[in-house]
Protein backbone atom coordinates (compact mmCIF):
# COMPACT_ATOMS: atom_id res chain seq x y z
CA MET A 1 -2.34 -10.32 -11.01
CA LYS A 2 -4.30 -10.88 -7.78
CA ILE A 3 -3.47 -8.29 -5.12
CA GLU A 4 -4.35 -8.69 -1.46
CA THR A 5 -3.37 -6.65 1.58
CA LYS A 6 -3.63 -7.58 5.24
CA ASP A 7 -3.14 -5.15 8.11
CA TYR A 8 -1.30 -6.42 11.16
CA HIS A 9 -0.68 -5.21 14.71
CA TRP A 10 1.79 -6.76 17.12
CA GLU A 11 2.42 -5.89 20.75
CA CYS A 12 4.92 -7.47 23.14
CA GLY A 13 3.75 -9.15 26.33
CA ASP A 14 4.20 -6.15 28.62
CA GLY A 15 2.87 -3.64 26.07
CA CYS A 16 5.99 -1.49 25.79
CA CYS A 17 6.71 -2.44 22.16
CA THR A 18 4.30 -2.27 19.27
CA GLU A 19 4.48 -2.74 15.52
CA TYR A 20 1.83 -2.34 12.84
CA GLY A 21 1.56 -2.11 9.09
CA THR A 22 0.33 -3.88 5.99
CA ILE A 23 1.46 -7.12 4.38
CA LEU A 24 1.16 -7.40 0.60
CA TYR A 25 0.26 -10.62 -1.22
CA ILE A 26 0.62 -10.94 -5.00
CA ASP A 27 -0.99 -14.00 -6.56
CA GLY A 28 -1.27 -15.57 -3.10
CA LYS A 29 2.43 -15.16 -2.24
CA GLU A 30 3.57 -12.77 0.46
CA VAL A 31 6.04 -10.09 -0.59
CA ASP A 32 8.28 -11.13 2.29
CA ASP A 33 11.06 -8.56 1.97
CA ARG A 34 8.76 -5.54 2.40
CA ARG A 35 6.28 -4.18 4.96
CA PHE A 36 4.12 -1.14 4.26
CA MET A 37 2.54 1.55 6.42
CA ASP A 38 -0.86 1.02 4.78
CA ALA A 39 -2.56 -0.39 1.68
CA GLY A 40 -1.90 2.84 -0.25
CA ASP A 41 1.85 2.39 0.16
CA ALA A 42 1.54 -1.24 -1.00
CA TYR A 43 -0.37 -0.19 -4.14
CA ARG A 44 2.19 2.52 -4.82
CA TYR A 45 4.96 -0.11 -4.59
CA ILE A 46 3.13 -2.26 -7.17
CA LEU A 47 2.64 0.62 -9.59
CA GLU A 48 6.12 2.13 -9.28
CA GLU A 49 8.45 -0.76 -8.54
CA LEU A 50 6.76 -3.70 -10.25
CA GLN A 51 5.06 -2.02 -13.18
CA GLY A 52 7.40 0.93 -13.74
CA HIS A 53 4.83 3.74 -13.59
CA LYS A 54 5.83 7.20 -12.39
CA ILE A 55 3.39 8.37 -9.71
CA ASP A 56 2.83 12.12 -9.43
CA TYR A 57 0.32 11.86 -6.57
CA LEU A 58 -1.41 9.00 -4.79
CA TYR A 59 -3.12 10.32 -1.65
CA ASP A 60 -3.04 13.10 0.93
CA ASP A 61 -1.38 12.45 4.29
CA ASP A 62 -4.62 13.68 5.88
CA GLU A 63 -6.75 11.15 4.00
CA LEU A 64 -7.90 8.48 6.42
CA ASP A 65 -9.86 6.15 4.14
CA LEU A 66 -7.22 4.95 1.67
CA VAL A 67 -9.14 1.96 0.39
CA GLY A 68 -12.49 3.58 -0.38
CA ASP A 69 -13.34 5.99 -3.14
CA GLY A 70 -10.21 8.09 -2.74
CA ILE A 71 -7.16 5.90 -3.24
CA PHE A 72 -6.91 6.27 -7.01
CA ALA A 73 -9.00 9.44 -7.37
CA ASP A 74 -6.02 11.69 -8.12
CA LEU A 75 -3.65 9.08 -9.52
CA LYS A 76 -1.72 10.24 -12.58
CA LEU A 77 0.30 7.73 -14.58
CA GLU A 78 2.95 8.98 -16.97
CA GLY A 79 1.83 8.46 -20.56
CA TYR A 80 -1.77 7.59 -19.65
CA GLU A 81 -4.66 9.56 -21.12
CA GLU A 82 -8.24 9.25 -19.86
């Protein structure tokens, strides 16, 4: 499975409306019925919804760098032993 994420930001012409988030691509195809707040939410969707894992913890709300060394640091999958 090839996973890609792309952040987007949209603003209307006069600047009063704005929208942002992350688009998820799996094997080159956009998951077109979902938008995510960030890459961490997209990965959580893959693990929980597509692969059936129960996630106890993925990241802190205060964590700013979700893609770096912290995104899976505290990940616990049900039935998985290190």
